[in-house]
PDB file of all heavy atoms in Angstrom:
ATOM      1  N   ARG A   1     -10.181   6.738   5.979  1.00  0.00           N
ATOM      2  CA  ARG A   1     -11.297   5.883   6.058  1.00  0.00           C
ATOM      3  C   ARG A   1     -10.817   4.407   5.816  1.00  0.00           C
ATOM      4  O   ARG A   1      -9.709   4.129   5.440  1.00  0.00           O
ATOM      5  CB  ARG A   1     -12.301   6.206   5.027  1.00  0.00           C
ATOM      6  CG  ARG A   1     -11.896   6.189   3.703  1.00  0.00           C
ATOM      7  CD  ARG A   1     -12.961   6.527   2.556  1.00  0.00           C
ATOM      8  NE  ARG A   1     -13.115   8.077   2.671  1.00  0.00           N
ATOM      9  CZ  ARG A   1     -12.636   8.936   1.820  1.00  0.00           C
ATOM     10  NH1 ARG A   1     -11.691   8.490   1.052  1.00  0.00           N
ATOM     11  NH2 ARG A   1     -12.793  10.149   1.992  1.00  0.00           N
ATOM     12  N   ALA A   2     -11.657   3.483   6.168  1.00  0.00           N
ATOM     13  CA  ALA A   2     -11.289   2.105   6.005  1.00  0.00           C
ATOM     14  C   ALA A   2     -11.061   1.688   4.533  1.00  0.00           C
ATOM     15  O   ALA A   2     -11.716   2.328   3.598  1.00  0.00           O
ATOM     16  CB  ALA A   2     -12.341   1.157   6.625  1.00  0.00           C
ATOM     17  N   LEU A   3     -10.160   0.863   4.306  1.00  0.00           N
ATOM     18  CA  LEU A   3      -9.862   0.397   2.944  1.00  0.00           C
ATOM     19  C   LEU A   3     -10.049  -1.153   3.023  1.00  0.00           C
ATOM     20  O   LEU A   3      -9.496  -1.781   3.723  1.00  0.00           O
ATOM     21  CB  LEU A   3      -8.331   0.723   2.515  1.00  0.00           C
ATOM     22  CG  LEU A   3      -7.909   2.147   2.573  1.00  0.00           C
ATOM     23  CD1 LEU A   3      -6.393   2.266   2.434  1.00  0.00           C
ATOM     24  CD2 LEU A   3      -8.653   3.056   1.653  1.00  0.00           C
ATOM     25  N   HIS A   4     -10.984  -1.450   2.202  1.00  0.00           N
ATOM     26  CA  HIS A   4     -11.348  -2.944   2.082  1.00  0.00           C
ATOM     27  C   HIS A   4     -10.868  -3.730   0.804  1.00  0.00           C
ATOM     28  O   HIS A   4     -10.990  -3.082  -0.303  1.00  0.00           O
ATOM     29  CB  HIS A   4     -12.917  -3.067   2.116  1.00  0.00           C
ATOM     30  CG  HIS A   4     -13.426  -2.547   3.389  1.00  0.00           C
ATOM     31  ND1 HIS A   4     -13.363  -3.033   4.585  1.00  0.00           N
ATOM     32  CD2 HIS A   4     -14.134  -1.240   3.560  1.00  0.00           C
ATOM     33  CE1 HIS A   4     -13.972  -2.344   5.418  1.00  0.00           C
ATOM     34  NE2 HIS A   4     -14.434  -1.220   4.873  1.00  0.00           N
ATOM     35  N   GLY A   5     -10.253  -4.809   0.982  1.00  0.00           N
ATOM     36  CA  GLY A   5      -9.774  -5.631  -0.197  1.00  0.00           C
ATOM     37  C   GLY A   5      -8.619  -4.794  -0.871  1.00  0.00           C
ATOM     38  O   GLY A   5      -8.446  -5.119  -2.065  1.00  0.00           O
ATOM     39  N   TRP A   6      -7.755  -4.116  -0.132  1.00  0.00           N
ATOM     40  CA  TRP A   6      -6.730  -3.451  -0.680  1.00  0.00           C
ATOM     41  C   TRP A   6      -5.582  -4.409  -1.081  1.00  0.00           C
ATOM     42  O   TRP A   6      -5.154  -5.274  -0.194  1.00  0.00           O
ATOM     43  CB  TRP A   6      -6.187  -2.396   0.229  1.00  0.00           C
ATOM     44  CG  TRP A   6      -5.570  -1.195  -0.516  1.00  0.00           C
ATOM     45  CD1 TRP A   6      -4.310  -1.079  -0.828  1.00  0.00           C
ATOM     46  CD2 TRP A   6      -6.215  -0.214  -1.135  1.00  0.00           C
ATOM     47  NE1 TRP A   6      -4.093   0.061  -1.534  1.00  0.00           N
ATOM     48  CE2 TRP A   6      -5.253   0.640  -1.739  1.00  0.00           C
ATOM     49  CE3 TRP A   6      -7.586   0.273  -1.095  1.00  0.00           C
ATOM     50  CZ2 TRP A   6      -5.499   1.818  -2.369  1.00  0.00           C
ATOM     51  CZ3 TRP A   6      -7.953   1.450  -1.690  1.00  0.00           C
ATOM     52  CH2 TRP A   6      -6.986   2.239  -2.399  1.00  0.00           C
ATOM     53  N   PRO A   7      -4.991  -4.375  -2.186  1.00  0.00           N
ATOM     54  CA  PRO A   7      -3.953  -5.364  -2.682  1.00  0.00           C
ATOM     55  C   PRO A   7      -2.642  -5.119  -1.806  1.00  0.00           C
ATOM     56  O   PRO A   7      -2.286  -4.064  -1.640  1.00  0.00           O
ATOM     57  CB  PRO A   7      -3.589  -5.068  -4.167  1.00  0.00           C
ATOM     58  CG  PRO A   7      -4.844  -4.363  -4.719  1.00  0.00           C
ATOM     59  CD  PRO A   7      -5.327  -3.574  -3.464  1.00  0.00           C
ATOM     60  N   ILE A   8      -2.144  -6.231  -1.291  1.00  0.00           N
ATOM     61  CA  ILE A   8      -0.843  -6.105  -0.533  1.00  0.00           C
ATOM     62  C   ILE A   8       0.230  -6.140  -1.622  1.00  0.00           C
ATOM     63  O   ILE A   8       0.224  -6.847  -2.572  1.00  0.00           O
ATOM     64  CB  ILE A   8      -0.684  -7.318   0.349  1.00  0.00           C
ATOM     65  CG1 ILE A   8      -1.789  -7.316   1.479  1.00  0.00           C
ATOM     66  CG2 ILE A   8       0.731  -7.460   0.917  1.00  0.00           C
ATOM     67  CD1 ILE A   8      -1.772  -8.453   2.291  1.00  0.00           C
ATOM     68  N   TYR A   9       1.259  -5.227  -1.402  1.00  0.00           N
ATOM     69  CA  TYR A   9       2.285  -5.245  -2.378  1.00  0.00           C
ATOM     70  C   TYR A   9       3.542  -5.861  -1.777  1.00  0.00           C
ATOM     71  O   TYR A   9       4.006  -5.583  -0.718  1.00  0.00           O
ATOM     72  CB  TYR A   9       2.598  -3.721  -2.565  1.00  0.00           C
ATOM     73  CG  TYR A   9       3.901  -3.476  -3.559  1.00  0.00           C
ATOM     74  CD1 TYR A   9       3.864  -3.836  -4.783  1.00  0.00           C
ATOM     75  CD2 TYR A   9       5.039  -3.043  -3.000  1.00  0.00           C
ATOM     76  CE1 TYR A   9       4.821  -3.660  -5.751  1.00  0.00           C
ATOM     77  CE2 TYR A   9       6.230  -2.873  -3.875  1.00  0.00           C
ATOM     78  CZ  TYR A   9       6.096  -3.240  -5.249  1.00  0.00           C
ATOM     79  OH  TYR A   9       7.101  -2.920  -6.048  1.00  0.00           O
ATOM     80  N   GLY A  10       4.000  -6.965  -2.542  1.00  0.00           N
ATOM     81  CA  GLY A  10       5.286  -7.639  -2.113  1.00  0.00           C
ATOM     82  C   GLY A  10       6.321  -7.233  -3.059  1.00  0.00           C
ATOM     83  O   GLY A  10       6.314  -7.265  -4.250  1.00  0.00           O
ATOM     84  N   VAL A  11       7.432  -6.531  -2.338  1.00  0.00           N
ATOM     85  CA  VAL A  11       8.502  -6.068  -3.050  1.00  0.00           C
ATOM     86  C   VAL A  11       9.129  -7.179  -3.897  1.00  0.00           C
ATOM     87  O   VAL A  11       9.423  -8.232  -3.434  1.00  0.00           O
ATOM     88  CB  VAL A  11       9.553  -5.396  -2.162  1.00  0.00           C
ATOM     89  CG1 VAL A  11      10.728  -5.018  -2.912  1.00  0.00           C
ATOM     90  CG2 VAL A  11       8.914  -4.238  -1.380  1.00  0.00           C
ATOM     91  N   GLY A  12       9.219  -6.919  -5.193  1.00  0.00           N
ATOM     92  CA  GLY A  12       9.843  -7.985  -6.143  1.00  0.00           C
ATOM     93  C   GLY A  12       8.868  -9.016  -6.587  1.00  0.00           C
ATOM     94  O   GLY A  12       9.067  -9.747  -7.460  1.00  0.00           O
ATOM     95  N   THR A  13       7.626  -8.974  -5.962  1.00  0.00           N
ATOM     96  CA  THR A  13       6.733 -10.070  -6.337  1.00  0.00           C
ATOM     97  C   THR A  13       5.397  -9.520  -6.791  1.00  0.00           C
ATOM     98  O   THR A  13       4.510 -10.124  -7.253  1.00  0.00           O
ATOM     99  CB  THR A  13       6.318 -11.006  -5.157  1.00  0.00           C
ATOM    100  OG1 THR A  13       5.875 -10.231  -4.046  1.00  0.00           O
ATOM    101  CG2 THR A  13       7.566 -11.758  -4.693  1.00  0.00           C
ATOM    102  N   GLY A  14       5.245  -8.143  -6.606  1.00  0.00           N
ATOM    103  CA  GLY A  14       4.022  -7.462  -7.156  1.00  0.00           C
ATOM    104  C   GLY A  14       2.855  -7.791  -6.160  1.00  0.00           C
ATOM    105  O   GLY A  14       3.059  -7.696  -5.006  1.00  0.00           O
ATOM    106  N   ASP A  15       1.739  -8.183  -6.625  1.00  0.00           N
ATOM    107  CA  ASP A  15       0.615  -8.461  -5.835  1.00  0.00           C
ATOM    108  C   ASP A  15       0.787  -9.751  -4.904  1.00  0.00           C
ATOM    109  O   ASP A  15       1.201 -10.745  -5.383  1.00  0.00           O
ATOM    110  CB  ASP A  15      -0.744  -8.674  -6.648  1.00  0.00           C
ATOM    111  CG  ASP A  15      -1.950  -8.921  -5.890  1.00  0.00           C
ATOM    112  OD1 ASP A  15      -1.949  -8.395  -4.773  1.00  0.00           O
ATOM    113  OD2 ASP A  15      -2.972  -9.366  -6.472  1.00  0.00           O
ATOM    114  N   ALA A  16       0.451  -9.480  -3.635  1.00  0.00           N
ATOM    115  CA  ALA A  16       0.604 -10.670  -2.637  1.00  0.00           C
ATOM    116  C   ALA A  16      -0.638 -10.878  -1.850  1.00  0.00           C
ATOM    117  O   ALA A  16      -0.612 -11.043  -0.706  1.00  0.00           O
ATOM    118  CB  ALA A  16       1.715 -10.381  -1.769  1.00  0.00           C
ATOM    119  N   GLY A  17      -1.746 -10.747  -2.472  1.00  0.00           N
ATOM    120  CA  GLY A  17      -3.088 -10.961  -1.800  1.00  0.00           C
ATOM    121  C   GLY A  17      -3.665  -9.585  -1.516  1.00  0.00           C
ATOM    122  O   GLY A  17      -3.350  -8.634  -2.268  1.00  0.00           O
ATOM    123  N   ALA A  18      -4.657  -9.564  -0.616  1.00  0.00           N
ATOM    124  CA  ALA A  18      -5.386  -8.253  -0.253  1.00  0.00           C
ATOM    125  C   ALA A  18      -5.522  -8.325   1.246  1.00  0.00           C
ATOM    126  O   ALA A  18      -5.453  -9.334   1.971  1.00  0.00           O
ATOM    127  CB  ALA A  18      -6.654  -8.311  -0.989  1.00  0.00           C
ATOM    128  N   THR A  19      -5.956  -7.092   1.757  1.00  0.00           N
ATOM    129  CA  THR A  19      -6.034  -6.805   3.182  1.00  0.00           C
ATOM    130  C   THR A  19      -7.106  -5.799   3.316  1.00  0.00           C
ATOM    131  O   THR A  19      -7.366  -5.001   2.537  1.00  0.00           O
ATOM    132  CB  THR A  19      -4.717  -6.565   3.845  1.00  0.00           C
ATOM    133  OG1 THR A  19      -4.963  -6.553   5.301  1.00  0.00           O
ATOM    134  CG2 THR A  19      -4.256  -5.169   3.455  1.00  0.00           C
ATOM    135  N   ASP A  20      -7.753  -5.665   4.710  1.00  0.00           N
ATOM    136  CA  ASP A  20      -8.483  -4.584   4.854  1.00  0.00           C
ATOM    137  C   ASP A  20      -7.692  -3.730   5.904  1.00  0.00           C
ATOM    138  O   ASP A  20      -6.922  -4.290   6.760  1.00  0.00           O
ATOM    139  CB  ASP A  20      -9.747  -5.009   5.697  1.00  0.00           C
ATOM    140  CG  ASP A  20     -10.774  -5.821   4.706  1.00  0.00           C
ATOM    141  OD1 ASP A  20     -10.741  -5.586   3.534  1.00  0.00           O
ATOM    142  OD2 ASP A  20     -11.379  -6.704   5.274  1.00  0.00           O
ATOM    143  N   ILE A  21      -7.770  -2.443   5.799  1.00  0.00           N
ATOM    144  CA  ILE A  21      -7.020  -1.462   6.645  1.00  0.00           C
ATOM    145  C   ILE A  21      -8.088  -0.506   7.278  1.00  0.00           C
ATOM    146  O   ILE A  21      -8.830   0.074   6.593  1.00  0.00           O
ATOM    147  CB  ILE A  21      -6.021  -0.664   5.791  1.00  0.00           C
ATOM    148  CG1 ILE A  21      -5.027  -1.653   5.056  1.00  0.00           C
ATOM    149  CG2 ILE A  21      -5.225   0.316   6.693  1.00  0.00           C
ATOM    150  CD1 ILE A  21      -4.161  -0.962   4.073  1.00  0.00           C
ATOM    151  N   ALA A  22      -8.053  -0.475   8.637  1.00  0.00           N
ATOM    152  CA  ALA A  22      -8.984   0.257   9.359  1.00  0.00           C
ATOM    153  C   ALA A  22      -8.732   1.769   9.305  1.00  0.00           C
ATOM    154  O   ALA A  22      -7.578   2.259   9.036  1.00  0.00           O
ATOM    155  CB  ALA A  22      -8.881  -0.181  10.810  1.00  0.00           C
ATOM    156  N   ALA A  23      -9.788   2.530   9.221  1.00  0.00           N
ATOM    157  CA  ALA A  23      -9.729   3.892   9.469  1.00  0.00           C
ATOM    158  C   ALA A  23      -8.775   4.338  10.663  1.00  0.00           C
ATOM    159  O   ALA A  23      -8.926   3.735  11.722  1.00  0.00           O
ATOM    160  CB  ALA A  23     -11.023   4.700   9.549  1.00  0.00           C
ATOM    161  N   GLY A  24      -7.985   5.423  10.487  1.00  0.00           N
ATOM    162  CA  GLY A  24      -7.166   5.840  11.563  1.00  0.00           C
ATOM    163  C   GLY A  24      -5.827   5.062  11.691  1.00  0.00           C
ATOM    164  O   GLY A  24      -5.056   5.283  12.687  1.00  0.00           O
ATOM    165  N   ARG A  25      -5.601   4.154  10.886  1.00  0.00           N
ATOM    166  CA  ARG A  25      -4.435   3.210  11.066  1.00  0.00           C
ATOM    167  C   ARG A  25      -3.263   3.998  10.568  1.00  0.00           C
ATOM    168  O   ARG A  25      -3.244   4.773   9.586  1.00  0.00           O
ATOM    169  CB  ARG A  25      -4.646   1.976  10.048  1.00  0.00           C
ATOM    170  CG  ARG A  25      -3.540   1.051  10.152  1.00  0.00           C
ATOM    171  CD  ARG A  25      -3.859  -0.056  11.156  1.00  0.00           C
ATOM    172  NE  ARG A  25      -2.706  -1.018  11.310  1.00  0.00           N
ATOM    173  CZ  ARG A  25      -2.652  -2.054  10.597  1.00  0.00           C
ATOM    174  NH1 ARG A  25      -3.614  -2.515   9.840  1.00  0.00           N
ATOM    175  NH2 ARG A  25      -1.587  -2.859  10.893  1.00  0.00           N
ATOM    176  N   VAL A  26      -2.014   3.850  11.358  1.00  0.00           N
ATOM    177  CA  VAL A  26      -0.937   4.613  11.035  1.00  0.00           C
ATOM    178  C   VAL A  26       0.107   3.847  10.402  1.00  0.00           C
ATOM    179  O   VAL A  26       0.410   2.707  10.740  1.00  0.00           O
ATOM    180  CB  VAL A  26      -0.290   5.145  12.413  1.00  0.00           C
ATOM    181  CG1 VAL A  26       0.968   5.878  12.182  1.00  0.00           C
ATOM    182  CG2 VAL A  26      -1.287   6.101  13.138  1.00  0.00           C
ATOM    183  N   GLY A  27       0.789   4.401   9.301  1.00  0.00           N
ATOM    184  CA  GLY A  27       1.729   3.625   8.467  1.00  0.00           C
ATOM    185  C   GLY A  27       2.885   4.488   8.163  1.00  0.00           C
ATOM    186  O   GLY A  27       2.880   5.719   8.524  1.00  0.00           O
ATOM    187  N   LEU A  28       3.818   4.049   7.545  1.00  0.00           N
ATOM    188  CA  LEU A  28       5.064   4.768   7.127  1.00  0.00           C
ATOM    189  C   LEU A  28       5.137   4.927   5.568  1.00  0.00           C
ATOM    190  O   LEU A  28       5.012   3.667   4.964  1.00  0.00           O
ATOM    191  CB  LEU A  28       6.307   4.138   7.722  1.00  0.00           C
ATOM    192  CG  LEU A  28       6.373   4.182   9.313  1.00  0.00           C
ATOM    193  CD1 LEU A  28       7.563   3.402   9.741  1.00  0.00           C
ATOM    194  CD2 LEU A  28       6.391   5.628   9.855  1.00  0.00           C
ATOM    195  N   VAL A  29       5.424   6.034   4.975  1.00  0.00           N
ATOM    196  CA  VAL A  29       5.654   6.083   3.613  1.00  0.00           C
ATOM    197  C   VAL A  29       7.224   5.766   3.152  1.00  0.00           C
ATOM    198  O   VAL A  29       8.006   6.353   3.935  1.00  0.00           O
ATOM    199  CB  VAL A  29       5.262   7.442   3.080  1.00  0.00           C
ATOM    200  CG1 VAL A  29       5.544   7.584   1.590  1.00  0.00           C
ATOM    201  CG2 VAL A  29       3.820   7.807   3.358  1.00  0.00           C
ATOM    202  N   GLY A  30       7.396   4.936   2.283  1.00  0.00           N
ATOM    203  CA  GLY A  30       8.672   4.556   1.873  1.00  0.00           C
ATOM    204  C   GLY A  30       9.178   5.580   0.887  1.00  0.00           C
ATOM    205  O   GLY A  30       8.495   6.730   0.607  1.00  0.00           O
ATOM    206  N   HIS A  31      10.368   5.388   0.320  1.00  0.00           N
ATOM    207  CA  HIS A  31      10.902   6.311  -0.671  1.00  0.00           C
ATOM    208  C   HIS A  31      10.013   6.488  -1.888  1.00  0.00           C
ATOM    209  O   HIS A  31       9.644   5.465  -2.378  1.00  0.00           O
ATOM    210  CB  HIS A  31      12.338   5.764  -1.050  1.00  0.00           C
ATOM    211  CG  HIS A  31      13.011   6.663  -2.179  1.00  0.00           C
ATOM    212  ND1 HIS A  31      13.289   7.884  -1.924  1.00  0.00           N
ATOM    213  CD2 HIS A  31      13.268   6.287  -3.461  1.00  0.00           C
ATOM    214  CE1 HIS A  31      13.888   8.366  -3.027  1.00  0.00           C
ATOM    215  NE2 HIS A  31      13.755   7.428  -3.973  1.00  0.00           N
ATOM    216  N   VAL A  32       9.772   7.684  -2.316  1.00  0.00           N
ATOM    217  CA  VAL A  32       8.997   7.870  -3.526  1.00  0.00           C
ATOM    218  C   VAL A  32       9.836   8.666  -4.394  1.00  0.00           C
ATOM    219  O   VAL A  32      10.110   9.875  -4.161  1.00  0.00           O
ATOM    220  CB  VAL A  32       7.759   8.710  -3.204  1.00  0.00           C
ATOM    221  CG1 VAL A  32       6.912   8.794  -4.424  1.00  0.00           C
ATOM    222  CG2 VAL A  32       6.950   7.843  -2.013  1.00  0.00           C
ATOM    223  N   PRO A  33      10.318   8.110  -5.587  1.00  0.00           N
ATOM    224  CA  PRO A  33      11.084   8.913  -6.582  1.00  0.00           C
ATOM    225  C   PRO A  33      10.223   9.891  -7.114  1.00  0.00           C
ATOM    226  O   PRO A  33       8.987   9.788  -7.231  1.00  0.00           O
ATOM    227  CB  PRO A  33      11.309   7.933  -7.648  1.00  0.00           C
ATOM    228  CG  PRO A  33      11.262   6.444  -6.951  1.00  0.00           C
ATOM    229  CD  PRO A  33      10.134   6.748  -6.021  1.00  0.00           C
ATOM    230  N   PRO A  34      10.803  11.155  -7.319  1.00  0.00           N
ATOM    231  CA  PRO A  34       9.992  12.316  -7.902  1.00  0.00           C
ATOM    232  C   PRO A  34       9.184  12.042  -9.086  1.00  0.00           C
ATOM    233  O   PRO A  34       8.118  12.644  -9.325  1.00  0.00           O
ATOM    234  CB  PRO A  34      10.997  13.412  -8.071  1.00  0.00           C
ATOM    235  CG  PRO A  34      12.290  13.043  -7.408  1.00  0.00           C
ATOM    236  CD  PRO A  34      12.117  11.488  -7.233  1.00  0.00           C
ATOM    237  N   ASP A  35       9.643  11.109  -9.988  1.00  0.00           N
ATOM    238  CA  ASP A  35       9.082  10.834 -11.171  1.00  0.00           C
ATOM    239  C   ASP A  35       8.098   9.537 -11.125  1.00  0.00           C
ATOM    240  O   ASP A  35       7.749   9.046 -12.069  1.00  0.00           O
ATOM    241  CB  ASP A  35      10.025  10.643 -12.273  1.00  0.00           C
ATOM    242  CG  ASP A  35      10.896   9.579 -12.080  1.00  0.00           C
ATOM    243  OD1 ASP A  35      11.101   9.104 -10.870  1.00  0.00           O
ATOM    244  OD2 ASP A  35      11.595   9.153 -12.993  1.00  0.00           O
ATOM    245  N   ALA A  36       7.788   9.146  -9.881  1.00  0.00           N
ATOM    246  CA  ALA A  36       7.057   7.902  -9.694  1.00  0.00           C
ATOM    247  C   ALA A  36       5.869   8.084  -8.709  1.00  0.00           C
ATOM    248  O   ALA A  36       5.695   7.266  -7.862  1.00  0.00           O
ATOM    249  CB  ALA A  36       8.052   6.831  -9.317  1.00  0.00           C
ATOM    250  N   LEU A  37       5.136   9.175  -8.908  1.00  0.00           N
ATOM    251  CA  LEU A  37       4.117   9.312  -7.845  1.00  0.00           C
ATOM    252  C   LEU A  37       2.918   8.308  -8.089  1.00  0.00           C
ATOM    253  O   LEU A  37       1.867   8.296  -7.232  1.00  0.00           O
ATOM    254  CB  LEU A  37       3.524  10.814  -7.863  1.00  0.00           C
ATOM    255  CG  LEU A  37       4.485  11.809  -7.398  1.00  0.00           C
ATOM    256  CD1 LEU A  37       3.853  13.207  -7.569  1.00  0.00           C
ATOM    257  CD2 LEU A  37       4.799  11.551  -5.866  1.00  0.00           C
ATOM    258  N   ASP A  38       3.033   7.466  -9.144  1.00  0.00           N
ATOM    259  CA  ASP A  38       2.033   6.441  -9.185  1.00  0.00           C
ATOM    260  C   ASP A  38       2.454   5.158  -8.401  1.00  0.00           C
ATOM    261  O   ASP A  38       1.768   4.091  -8.504  1.00  0.00           O
ATOM    262  CB  ASP A  38       1.762   6.023 -10.688  1.00  0.00           C
ATOM    263  CG  ASP A  38       3.139   5.541 -11.462  1.00  0.00           C
ATOM    264  OD1 ASP A  38       4.284   5.975 -10.902  1.00  0.00           O
ATOM    265  OD2 ASP A  38       3.065   4.801 -12.414  1.00  0.00           O
ATOM    266  N   ARG A  39       3.474   5.232  -7.666  1.00  0.00           N
ATOM    267  CA  ARG A  39       4.085   4.031  -6.971  1.00  0.00           C
ATOM    268  C   ARG A  39       4.538   4.312  -5.636  1.00  0.00           C
ATOM    269  O   ARG A  39       5.534   4.050  -5.173  1.00  0.00           O
ATOM    270  CB  ARG A  39       5.324   3.424  -7.722  1.00  0.00           C
ATOM    271  CG  ARG A  39       4.968   2.987  -9.115  1.00  0.00           C
ATOM    272  CD  ARG A  39       6.003   2.212  -9.849  1.00  0.00           C
ATOM    273  NE  ARG A  39       7.336   3.002  -9.770  1.00  0.00           N
ATOM    274  CZ  ARG A  39       7.707   3.632 -11.050  1.00  0.00           C
ATOM    275  NH1 ARG A  39       7.058   3.669 -12.038  1.00  0.00           N
ATOM    276  NH2 ARG A  39       8.871   4.282 -10.845  1.00  0.00           N
TER     277      ARG A  39
END
């Protein structure tokens, strides 16, 4: 579903503003350490 006002994550800078992401939008998941499912 659409995500409204979602914070943009800037690597090394944390929050870098916000964006809207349309429903059905395709993205890629980066590396997720096994002990870091909150990131």
